[in-house]
Amino acid sequence: VQLVESGGGLVQAGGSLRLSCTASGRTFSTYAMGWFRQAPG
């Protein structure tokens, strides 16, 4: 499975963004999916 995220950027507090994650290599619909985040350190 290969996953590619997109949609990040710089936004002011109170604003909105929509992230996307597109999968390839497998039948995507058979998998549960998660989002994680990591700040520096």
PDB file of all heavy atoms in Angstrom:
ATOM      1  N   VAL A   1       0.848  -1.181   0.000  1.00  0.00           N
ATOM      2  CA  VAL A   1       0.000   0.000   0.000  1.00  0.00           C
ATOM      3  C   VAL A   1       0.886   1.234   0.000  1.00  0.00           C
ATOM      4  O   VAL A   1       1.851   1.329   0.766  1.00  0.00           O
ATOM      5  CB  VAL A   1      -0.935   0.011   1.215  1.00  0.00           C
ATOM      6  CG1 VAL A   1      -1.722   1.316   1.277  1.00  0.00           C
ATOM      7  CG2 VAL A   1      -1.868  -1.180   1.169  1.00  0.00           C
ATOM      8  N   GLN A   2       0.552   2.186  -0.847  1.00  0.00           N
ATOM      9  CA  GLN A   2       1.242   3.464  -0.871  1.00  0.00           C
ATOM     10  C   GLN A   2       0.240   4.576  -0.579  1.00  0.00           C
ATOM     11  O   GLN A   2      -0.844   4.602  -1.163  1.00  0.00           O
ATOM     12  CB  GLN A   2       1.918   3.702  -2.214  1.00  0.00           C
ATOM     13  CG  GLN A   2       3.043   2.722  -2.498  1.00  0.00           C
ATOM     14  CD  GLN A   2       3.731   2.995  -3.814  1.00  0.00           C
ATOM     15  OE1 GLN A   2       3.134   3.534  -4.745  1.00  0.00           O
ATOM     16  NE2 GLN A   2       4.998   2.628  -3.894  1.00  0.00           N
ATOM     17  N   LEU A   3       0.613   5.474   0.314  1.00  0.00           N
ATOM     18  CA  LEU A   3      -0.264   6.546   0.754  1.00  0.00           C
ATOM     19  C   LEU A   3       0.416   7.888   0.520  1.00  0.00           C
ATOM     20  O   LEU A   3       1.592   8.053   0.840  1.00  0.00           O
ATOM     21  CB  LEU A   3      -0.591   6.407   2.245  1.00  0.00           C
ATOM     22  CG  LEU A   3      -1.173   5.065   2.696  1.00  0.00           C
ATOM     23  CD1 LEU A   3      -1.266   5.021   4.213  1.00  0.00           C
ATOM     24  CD2 LEU A   3      -2.544   4.852   2.069  1.00  0.00           C
ATOM     25  N   VAL A   4      -0.329   8.840  -0.002  1.00  0.00           N
ATOM     26  CA  VAL A   4       0.191  10.174  -0.264  1.00  0.00           C
ATOM     27  C   VAL A   4      -0.769  11.204   0.307  1.00  0.00           C
ATOM     28  O   VAL A   4      -1.936  11.251  -0.086  1.00  0.00           O
ATOM     29  CB  VAL A   4       0.395  10.427  -1.762  1.00  0.00           C
ATOM     30  CG1 VAL A   4       0.922  11.838  -1.993  1.00  0.00           C
ATOM     31  CG2 VAL A   4       1.363   9.408  -2.346  1.00  0.00           C
ATOM     32  N   GLU A   5      -0.268  12.038   1.229  1.00  0.00           N
ATOM     33  CA  GLU A   5      -1.064  13.096   1.829  1.00  0.00           C
ATOM     34  C   GLU A   5      -0.886  14.397   1.055  1.00  0.00           C
ATOM     35  O   GLU A   5       0.170  14.650   0.477  1.00  0.00           O
ATOM     36  CB  GLU A   5      -0.663  13.332   3.291  1.00  0.00           C
ATOM     37  CG  GLU A   5      -0.788  12.122   4.193  1.00  0.00           C
ATOM     38  CD  GLU A   5       0.502  11.360   4.331  1.00  0.00           C
ATOM     39  OE1 GLU A   5       1.368  11.463   3.427  1.00  0.00           O
ATOM     40  OE2 GLU A   5       0.668  10.653   5.349  1.00  0.00           O
ATOM     41  N   SER A   6      -1.914  15.223   1.103  1.00  0.00           N
ATOM     42  CA  SER A   6      -1.849  16.545   0.504  1.00  0.00           C
ATOM     43  C   SER A   6      -2.833  17.458   1.221  1.00  0.00           C
ATOM     44  O   SER A   6      -3.671  16.997   1.989  1.00  0.00           O
ATOM     45  CB  SER A   6      -2.154  16.499  -0.995  1.00  0.00           C
ATOM     46  OG  SER A   6      -3.471  16.051  -1.236  1.00  0.00           O
ATOM     47  N   GLY A   7      -2.735  18.750   0.957  1.00  0.00           N
ATOM     48  CA  GLY A   7      -3.682  19.711   1.487  1.00  0.00           C
ATOM     49  C   GLY A   7      -3.189  20.534   2.653  1.00  0.00           C
ATOM     50  O   GLY A   7      -3.909  21.430   3.114  1.00  0.00           O
ATOM     51  N   GLY A   8      -1.994  20.263   3.145  1.00  0.00           N
ATOM     52  CA  GLY A   8      -1.459  21.050   4.237  1.00  0.00           C
ATOM     53  C   GLY A   8      -1.078  22.445   3.788  1.00  0.00           C
ATOM     54  O   GLY A   8      -1.066  22.767   2.599  1.00  0.00           O
ATOM     55  N   GLY A   9      -0.768  23.291   4.759  1.00  0.00           N
ATOM     56  CA  GLY A   9      -0.387  24.653   4.458  1.00  0.00           C
ATOM     57  C   GLY A   9      -0.367  25.512   5.689  1.00  0.00           C
ATOM     58  O   GLY A   9      -0.403  25.019   6.816  1.00  0.00           O
ATOM     59  N   LEU A  10      -0.300  26.809   5.467  1.00  0.00           N
ATOM     60  CA  LEU A  10      -0.285  27.811   6.535  1.00  0.00           C
ATOM     61  C   LEU A  10      -1.652  28.458   6.635  1.00  0.00           C
ATOM     62  O   LEU A  10      -2.212  28.906   5.623  1.00  0.00           O
ATOM     63  CB  LEU A  10       0.782  28.861   6.243  1.00  0.00           C
ATOM     64  CG  LEU A  10       0.861  30.048   7.198  1.00  0.00           C
ATOM     65  CD1 LEU A  10       1.246  29.591   8.591  1.00  0.00           C
ATOM     66  CD2 LEU A  10       1.858  31.071   6.666  1.00  0.00           C
ATOM     67  N   VAL A  11      -2.181  28.514   7.847  1.00  0.00           N
ATOM     68  CA  VAL A  11      -3.507  29.083   8.062  1.00  0.00           C
ATOM     69  C   VAL A  11      -3.528  29.835   9.384  1.00  0.00           C
ATOM     70  O   VAL A  11      -2.807  29.490  10.320  1.00  0.00           O
ATOM     71  CB  VAL A  11      -4.582  27.971   8.026  1.00  0.00           C
ATOM     72  CG1 VAL A  11      -4.392  26.999   9.189  1.00  0.00           C
ATOM     73  CG2 VAL A  11      -5.981  28.553   8.026  1.00  0.00           C
ATOM     74  N   GLN A  12      -4.344  30.870   9.450  1.00  0.00           N
ATOM     75  CA  GLN A  12      -4.526  31.609  10.690  1.00  0.00           C
ATOM     76  C   GLN A  12      -5.387  30.816  11.668  1.00  0.00           C
ATOM     77  O   GLN A  12      -6.226  30.005  11.270  1.00  0.00           O
ATOM     78  CB  GLN A  12      -5.196  32.953  10.417  1.00  0.00           C
ATOM     79  CG  GLN A  12      -4.346  33.948   9.652  1.00  0.00           C
ATOM     80  CD  GLN A  12      -3.356  34.650  10.549  1.00  0.00           C
ATOM     81  OE1 GLN A  12      -3.532  34.710  11.768  1.00  0.00           O
ATOM     82  NE2 GLN A  12      -2.305  35.189   9.965  1.00  0.00           N
ATOM     83  N   ALA A  13      -5.168  31.041  12.954  1.00  0.00           N
ATOM     84  CA  ALA A  13      -6.017  30.426  13.963  1.00  0.00           C
ATOM     85  C   ALA A  13      -7.479  30.731  13.669  1.00  0.00           C
ATOM     86  O   ALA A  13      -7.834  31.859  13.326  1.00  0.00           O
ATOM     87  CB  ALA A  13      -5.636  30.921  15.354  1.00  0.00           C
ATOM     88  N   GLY A  14      -8.313  29.706  13.805  1.00  0.00           N
ATOM     89  CA  GLY A  14      -9.720  29.830  13.473  1.00  0.00           C
ATOM     90  C   GLY A  14     -10.056  29.455  12.048  1.00  0.00           C
ATOM     91  O   GLY A  14     -11.236  29.312  11.711  1.00  0.00           O
ATOM     92  N   GLY A  15      -9.051  29.275  11.229  1.00  0.00           N
ATOM     93  CA  GLY A  15      -9.265  28.911   9.848  1.00  0.00           C
ATOM     94  C   GLY A  15      -9.459  27.422   9.655  1.00  0.00           C
ATOM     95  O   GLY A  15      -9.501  26.646  10.612  1.00  0.00           O
ATOM     96  N   SER A  16      -9.552  27.018   8.396  1.00  0.00           N
ATOM     97  CA  SER A  16      -9.846  25.628   8.058  1.00  0.00           C
ATOM     98  C   SER A  16      -8.915  25.122   6.972  1.00  0.00           C
ATOM     99  O   SER A  16      -8.433  25.880   6.127  1.00  0.00           O
ATOM    100  CB  SER A  16     -11.292  25.490   7.565  1.00  0.00           C
ATOM    101  OG  SER A  16     -12.225  25.862   8.557  1.00  0.00           O
ATOM    102  N   LEU A  17      -8.677  23.826   7.004  1.00  0.00           N
ATOM    103  CA  LEU A  17      -7.961  23.120   5.955  1.00  0.00           C
ATOM    104  C   LEU A  17      -8.594  21.758   5.771  1.00  0.00           C
ATOM    105  O   LEU A  17      -9.174  21.204   6.710  1.00  0.00           O
ATOM    106  CB  LEU A  17      -6.481  22.931   6.303  1.00  0.00           C
ATOM    107  CG  LEU A  17      -5.549  24.132   6.232  1.00  0.00           C
ATOM    108  CD1 LEU A  17      -4.185  23.752   6.804  1.00  0.00           C
ATOM    109  CD2 LEU A  17      -5.398  24.615   4.801  1.00  0.00           C
ATOM    110  N   ARG A  18      -8.474  21.213   4.585  1.00  0.00           N
ATOM    111  CA  ARG A  18      -8.887  19.844   4.337  1.00  0.00           C
ATOM    112  C   ARG A  18      -7.709  19.052   3.808  1.00  0.00           C
ATOM    113  O   ARG A  18      -7.159  19.377   2.747  1.00  0.00           O
ATOM    114  CB  ARG A  18     -10.048  19.761   3.348  1.00  0.00           C
ATOM    115  CG  ARG A  18     -10.619  18.337   3.247  1.00  0.00           C
ATOM    116  CD  ARG A  18     -11.758  18.208   2.263  1.00  0.00           C
ATOM    117  NE  ARG A  18     -11.299  18.260   0.881  1.00  0.00           N
ATOM    118  CZ  ARG A  18     -12.019  17.853  -0.166  1.00  0.00           C
ATOM    119  NH1 ARG A  18     -13.250  17.375   0.036  1.00  0.00           N
ATOM    120  NH2 ARG A  18     -11.533  17.949  -1.382  1.00  0.00           N
ATOM    121  N   LEU A  19      -7.327  18.029   4.549  1.00  0.00           N
ATOM    122  CA  LEU A  19      -6.259  17.143   4.133  1.00  0.00           C
ATOM    123  C   LEU A  19      -6.826  15.960   3.365  1.00  0.00           C
ATOM    124  O   LEU A  19      -7.922  15.487   3.653  1.00  0.00           O
ATOM    125  CB  LEU A  19      -5.481  16.626   5.338  1.00  0.00           C
ATOM    126  CG  LEU A  19      -4.926  17.675   6.308  1.00  0.00           C
ATOM    127  CD1 LEU A  19      -4.119  16.991   7.399  1.00  0.00           C
ATOM    128  CD2 LEU A  19      -4.091  18.709   5.568  1.00  0.00           C
ATOM    129  N   SER A  20      -6.059  15.483   2.407  1.00  0.00           N
ATOM    130  CA  SER A  20      -6.438  14.314   1.631  1.00  0.00           C
ATOM    131  C   SER A  20      -5.338  13.272   1.714  1.00  0.00           C
ATOM    132  O   SER A  20      -4.156  13.605   1.792  1.00  0.00           O
ATOM    133  CB  SER A  20      -6.673  14.680   0.163  1.00  0.00           C
ATOM    134  OG  SER A  20      -7.726  15.607   0.023  1.00  0.00           O
ATOM    135  N   CYS A  21      -5.735  12.029   1.684  1.00  0.00           N
ATOM    136  CA  CYS A  21      -4.797  10.917   1.648  1.00  0.00           C
ATOM    137  C   CYS A  21      -5.284   9.952   0.583  1.00  0.00           C
ATOM    138  O   CYS A  21      -6.367   9.372   0.716  1.00  0.00           O
ATOM    139  CB  CYS A  21      -4.722  10.234   3.011  1.00  0.00           C
ATOM    140  SG  CYS A  21      -3.777   8.690   3.026  1.00  0.00           S
ATOM    141  N   THR A  22      -4.492   9.782  -0.445  1.00  0.00           N
ATOM    142  CA  THR A  22      -4.855   8.916  -1.555  1.00  0.00           C
ATOM    143  C   THR A  22      -4.005   7.653  -1.525  1.00  0.00           C
ATOM    144  O   THR A  22      -2.782   7.727  -1.388  1.00  0.00           O
ATOM    145  CB  THR A  22      -4.684   9.638  -2.896  1.00  0.00           C
ATOM    146  OG1 THR A  22      -5.535  10.789  -2.928  1.00  0.00           O
ATOM    147  CG2 THR A  22      -5.060   8.722  -4.051  1.00  0.00           C
ATOM    148  N   ALA A  23      -4.661   6.517  -1.657  1.00  0.00           N
ATOM    149  CA  ALA A  23      -3.995   5.224  -1.563  1.00  0.00           C
ATOM    150  C   ALA A  23      -3.908   4.560  -2.929  1.00  0.00           C
ATOM    151  O   ALA A  23      -4.762   4.748  -3.796  1.00  0.00           O
ATOM    152  CB  ALA A  23      -4.744   4.309  -0.600  1.00  0.00           C
ATOM    153  N   SER A  24      -2.873   3.762  -3.089  1.00  0.00           N
ATOM    154  CA  SER A  24      -2.707   2.951  -4.288  1.00  0.00           C
ATOM    155  C   SER A  24      -2.030   1.644  -3.910  1.00  0.00           C
ATOM    156  O   SER A  24      -1.434   1.520  -2.845  1.00  0.00           O
ATOM    157  CB  SER A  24      -1.884   3.694  -5.341  1.00  0.00           C
ATOM    158  OG  SER A  24      -0.570   3.956  -4.876  1.00  0.00           O
ATOM    159  N   GLY A  25      -2.131   0.663  -4.785  1.00  0.00           N
ATOM    160  CA  GLY A  25      -1.454  -0.606  -4.586  1.00  0.00           C
ATOM    161  C   GLY A  25      -2.304  -1.710  -3.986  1.00  0.00           C
ATOM    162  O   GLY A  25      -1.950  -2.876  -4.091  1.00  0.00           O
ATOM    163  N   ARG A  26      -3.417  -1.362  -3.372  1.00  0.00           N
ATOM    164  CA  ARG A  26      -4.334  -2.316  -2.766  1.00  0.00           C
ATOM    165  C   ARG A  26      -5.763  -1.843  -2.973  1.00  0.00           C
ATOM    166  O   ARG A  26      -5.987  -0.726  -3.430  1.00  0.00           O
ATOM    167  CB  ARG A  26      -4.065  -2.476  -1.264  1.00  0.00           C
ATOM    168  CG  ARG A  26      -2.699  -3.031  -0.903  1.00  0.00           C
ATOM    169  CD  ARG A  26      -2.635  -4.517  -1.106  1.00  0.00           C
ATOM    170  NE  ARG A  26      -1.372  -5.066  -0.636  1.00  0.00           N
ATOM    171  CZ  ARG A  26      -1.065  -6.351  -0.617  1.00  0.00           C
ATOM    172  NH1 ARG A  26      -1.966  -7.246  -1.034  1.00  0.00           N
ATOM    173  NH2 ARG A  26       0.107  -6.755  -0.188  1.00  0.00           N
ATOM    174  N   THR A  27      -6.698  -2.711  -2.611  1.00  0.00           N
ATOM    175  CA  THR A  27      -8.101  -2.317  -2.627  1.00  0.00           C
ATOM    176  C   THR A  27      -8.365  -1.448  -1.413  1.00  0.00           C
ATOM    177  O   THR A  27      -8.463  -1.936  -0.286  1.00  0.00           O
ATOM    178  CB  THR A  27      -9.017  -3.540  -2.623  1.00  0.00           C
ATOM    179  OG1 THR A  27      -8.721  -4.358  -3.754  1.00  0.00           O
ATOM    180  CG2 THR A  27     -10.479  -3.113  -2.689  1.00  0.00           C
ATOM    181  N   PHE A  28      -8.485  -0.152  -1.624  1.00  0.00           N
ATOM    182  CA  PHE A  28      -8.566   0.811  -0.547  1.00  0.00           C
ATOM    183  C   PHE A  28      -9.752   0.577   0.374  1.00  0.00           C
ATOM    184  O   PHE A  28      -9.652   0.755   1.589  1.00  0.00           O
ATOM    185  CB  PHE A  28      -8.612   2.223  -1.144  1.00  0.00           C
ATOM    186  CG  PHE A  28      -8.812   3.312  -0.153  1.00  0.00           C
ATOM    187  CD1 PHE A  28      -7.771   3.720   0.665  1.00  0.00           C
ATOM    188  CD2 PHE A  28     -10.038   3.951  -0.035  1.00  0.00           C
ATOM    189  CE1 PHE A  28      -7.944   4.740   1.584  1.00  0.00           C
ATOM    190  CE2 PHE A  28     -10.225   4.971   0.874  1.00  0.00           C
ATOM    191  CZ  PHE A  28      -9.173   5.365   1.689  1.00  0.00           C
ATOM    192  N   SER A  29     -10.880   0.185  -0.185  1.00  0.00           N
ATOM    193  CA  SER A  29     -12.105   0.096   0.593  1.00  0.00           C
ATOM    194  C   SER A  29     -12.081  -0.986   1.660  1.00  0.00           C
ATOM    195  O   SER A  29     -12.950  -1.004   2.533  1.00  0.00           O
ATOM    196  CB  SER A  29     -13.305  -0.127  -0.331  1.00  0.00           C
ATOM    197  OG  SER A  29     -13.185  -1.353  -1.033  1.00  0.00           O
ATOM    198  N   THR A  30     -11.113  -1.882   1.652  1.00  0.00           N
ATOM    199  CA  THR A  30     -11.041  -2.949   2.642  1.00  0.00           C
ATOM    200  C   THR A  30     -10.330  -2.537   3.921  1.00  0.00           C
ATOM    201  O   THR A  30     -10.286  -3.323   4.867  1.00  0.00           O
ATOM    202  CB  THR A  30     -10.340  -4.182   2.075  1.00  0.00           C
ATOM    203  OG1 THR A  30      -8.977  -3.873   1.765  1.00  0.00           O
ATOM    204  CG2 THR A  30     -11.045  -4.668   0.811  1.00  0.00           C
ATOM    205  N   TYR A  31      -9.781  -1.339   3.977  1.00  0.00           N
ATOM    206  CA  TYR A  31      -8.954  -0.915   5.100  1.00  0.00           C
ATOM    207  C   TYR A  31      -9.592   0.198   5.904  1.00  0.00           C
ATOM    208  O   TYR A  31     -10.090   1.175   5.346  1.00  0.00           O
ATOM    209  CB  TYR A  31      -7.592  -0.435   4.611  1.00  0.00           C
ATOM    210  CG  TYR A  31      -6.762  -1.501   3.944  1.00  0.00           C
ATOM    211  CD1 TYR A  31      -6.625  -1.534   2.563  1.00  0.00           C
ATOM    212  CD2 TYR A  31      -6.111  -2.464   4.698  1.00  0.00           C
ATOM    213  CE1 TYR A  31      -5.867  -2.512   1.944  1.00  0.00           C
ATOM    214  CE2 TYR A  31      -5.352  -3.446   4.093  1.00  0.00           C
ATOM    215  CZ  TYR A  31      -5.226  -3.464   2.716  1.00  0.00           C
ATOM    216  OH  TYR A  31      -4.470  -4.436   2.107  1.00  0.00           O
ATOM    217  N   ALA A  32      -9.544   0.049   7.230  1.00  0.00           N
ATOM    218  CA  ALA A  32      -9.737   1.199   8.093  1.00  0.00           C
ATOM    219  C   ALA A  32      -8.525   2.119   7.951  1.00  0.00           C
ATOM    220  O   ALA A  32      -7.428   1.672   7.614  1.00  0.00           O
ATOM    221  CB  ALA A  32      -9.904   0.761   9.545  1.00  0.00           C
ATOM    222  N   MET A  33      -8.727   3.401   8.205  1.00  0.00           N
ATOM    223  CA  MET A  33      -7.665   4.382   8.022  1.00  0.00           C
ATOM    224  C   MET A  33      -7.592   5.311   9.220  1.00  0.00           C
ATOM    225  O   MET A  33      -8.604   5.583   9.864  1.00  0.00           O
ATOM    226  CB  MET A  33      -7.902   5.204   6.753  1.00  0.00           C
ATOM    227  CG  MET A  33      -7.921   4.406   5.466  1.00  0.00           C
ATOM    228  SD  MET A  33      -6.294   3.733   5.030  1.00  0.00           S
ATOM    229  CE  MET A  33      -5.363   5.242   4.755  1.00  0.00           C
ATOM    230  N   GLY A  34      -6.399   5.799   9.481  1.00  0.00           N
ATOM    231  CA  GLY A  34      -6.205   6.727  10.573  1.00  0.00           C
ATOM    232  C   GLY A  34      -5.406   7.942  10.151  1.00  0.00           C
ATOM    233  O   GLY A  34      -4.667   7.909   9.161  1.00  0.00           O
ATOM    234  N   TRP A  35      -5.581   9.014  10.903  1.00  0.00           N
ATOM    235  CA  TRP A  35      -4.765  10.219  10.783  1.00  0.00           C
ATOM    236  C   TRP A  35      -3.990  10.414  12.077  1.00  0.00           C
ATOM    237  O   TRP A  35      -4.552  10.279  13.176  1.00  0.00           O
ATOM    238  CB  TRP A  35      -5.608  11.465  10.527  1.00  0.00           C
ATOM    239  CG  TRP A  35      -6.098  11.629   9.121  1.00  0.00           C
ATOM    240  CD1 TRP A  35      -7.324  11.330   8.634  1.00  0.00           C
ATOM    241  CD2 TRP A  35      -5.350  12.166   8.019  1.00  0.00           C
ATOM    242  NE1 TRP A  35      -7.403  11.636   7.305  1.00  0.00           N
ATOM    243  CE2 TRP A  35      -6.202  12.147   6.899  1.00  0.00           C
ATOM    244  CE3 TRP A  35      -4.051  12.650   7.875  1.00  0.00           C
ATOM    245  CZ2 TRP A  35      -5.792  12.606   5.642  1.00  0.00           C
ATOM    246  CZ3 TRP A  35      -3.643  13.099   6.627  1.00  0.00           C
ATOM    247  CH2 TRP A  35      -4.507  13.072   5.538  1.00  0.00           C
ATOM    248  N   PHE A  36      -2.715  10.726  11.942  1.00  0.00           N
ATOM    249  CA  PHE A  36      -1.852  11.050  13.057  1.00  0.00           C
ATOM    250  C   PHE A  36      -1.165  12.372  12.780  1.00  0.00           C
ATOM    251  O   PHE A  36      -1.154  12.855  11.643  1.00  0.00           O
ATOM    252  CB  PHE A  36      -0.798   9.961  13.273  1.00  0.00           C
ATOM    253  CG  PHE A  36      -1.320   8.710  13.897  1.00  0.00           C
ATOM    254  CD1 PHE A  36      -2.116   7.841  13.175  1.00  0.00           C
ATOM    255  CD2 PHE A  36      -1.002   8.392  15.208  1.00  0.00           C
ATOM    256  CE1 PHE A  36      -2.601   6.677  13.741  1.00  0.00           C
ATOM    257  CE2 PHE A  36      -1.477   7.224  15.786  1.00  0.00           C
ATOM    258  CZ  PHE A  36      -2.270   6.371  15.057  1.00  0.00           C
ATOM    259  N   ARG A  37      -0.570  12.941  13.819  1.00  0.00           N
ATOM    260  CA  ARG A  37       0.220  14.147  13.628  1.00  0.00           C
ATOM    261  C   ARG A  37       1.434  14.102  14.542  1.00  0.00           C
ATOM    262  O   ARG A  37       1.429  13.437  15.575  1.00  0.00           O
ATOM    263  CB  ARG A  37      -0.602  15.407  13.896  1.00  0.00           C
ATOM    264  CG  ARG A  37      -1.087  15.561  15.333  1.00  0.00           C
ATOM    265  CD  ARG A  37      -2.059  16.727  15.432  1.00  0.00           C
ATOM    266  NE  ARG A  37      -2.512  16.954  16.795  1.00  0.00           N
ATOM    267  CZ  ARG A  37      -3.454  17.823  17.132  1.00  0.00           C
ATOM    268  NH1 ARG A  37      -4.050  18.558  16.194  1.00  0.00           N
ATOM    269  NH2 ARG A  37      -3.803  17.970  18.401  1.00  0.00           N
ATOM    270  N   GLN A  38       2.463  14.822  14.138  1.00  0.00           N
ATOM    271  CA  GLN A  38       3.690  14.862  14.911  1.00  0.00           C
ATOM    272  C   GLN A  38       4.290  16.255  14.841  1.00  0.00           C
ATOM    273  O   GLN A  38       4.617  16.739  13.757  1.00  0.00           O
ATOM    274  CB  GLN A  38       4.696  13.831  14.400  1.00  0.00           C
ATOM    275  CG  GLN A  38       5.932  13.705  15.263  1.00  0.00           C
ATOM    276  CD  GLN A  38       6.778  12.498  14.893  1.00  0.00           C
ATOM    277  OE1 GLN A  38       6.706  11.998  13.771  1.00  0.00           O
ATOM    278  NE2 GLN A  38       7.567  12.032  15.830  1.00  0.00           N
ATOM    279  N   ALA A  39       4.421  16.872  15.996  1.00  0.00           N
ATOM    280  CA  ALA A  39       5.071  18.165  16.104  1.00  0.00           C
ATOM    281  C   ALA A  39       6.560  17.958  16.335  1.00  0.00           C
ATOM    282  O   ALA A  39       6.974  16.905  16.826  1.00  0.00           O
ATOM    283  CB  ALA A  39       4.454  18.971  17.247  1.00  0.00           C
ATOM    284  N   PRO A  40       7.394  18.944  16.015  1.00  0.00           N
ATOM    285  CA  PRO A  40       8.837  18.797  16.203  1.00  0.00           C
ATOM    286  C   PRO A  40       9.198  18.428  17.636  1.00  0.00           C
ATOM    287  O   PRO A  40       8.719  19.046  18.588  1.00  0.00           O
ATOM    288  CB  PRO A  40       9.383  20.181  15.834  1.00  0.00           C
ATOM    289  CG  PRO A  40       8.374  20.734  14.879  1.00  0.00           C
ATOM    290  CD  PRO A  40       7.052  20.229  15.387  1.00  0.00           C
ATOM    291  N   GLY A  41      10.031  17.405  17.788  1.00  0.00           N
ATOM    292  CA  GLY A  41      10.477  16.981  19.097  1.00  0.00           C
ATOM    293  C   GLY A  41       9.462  16.200  19.904  1.00  0.00           C
ATOM    294  O   GLY A  41       9.735  15.867  21.058  1.00  0.00           O
TER     295      GLY A  41
END
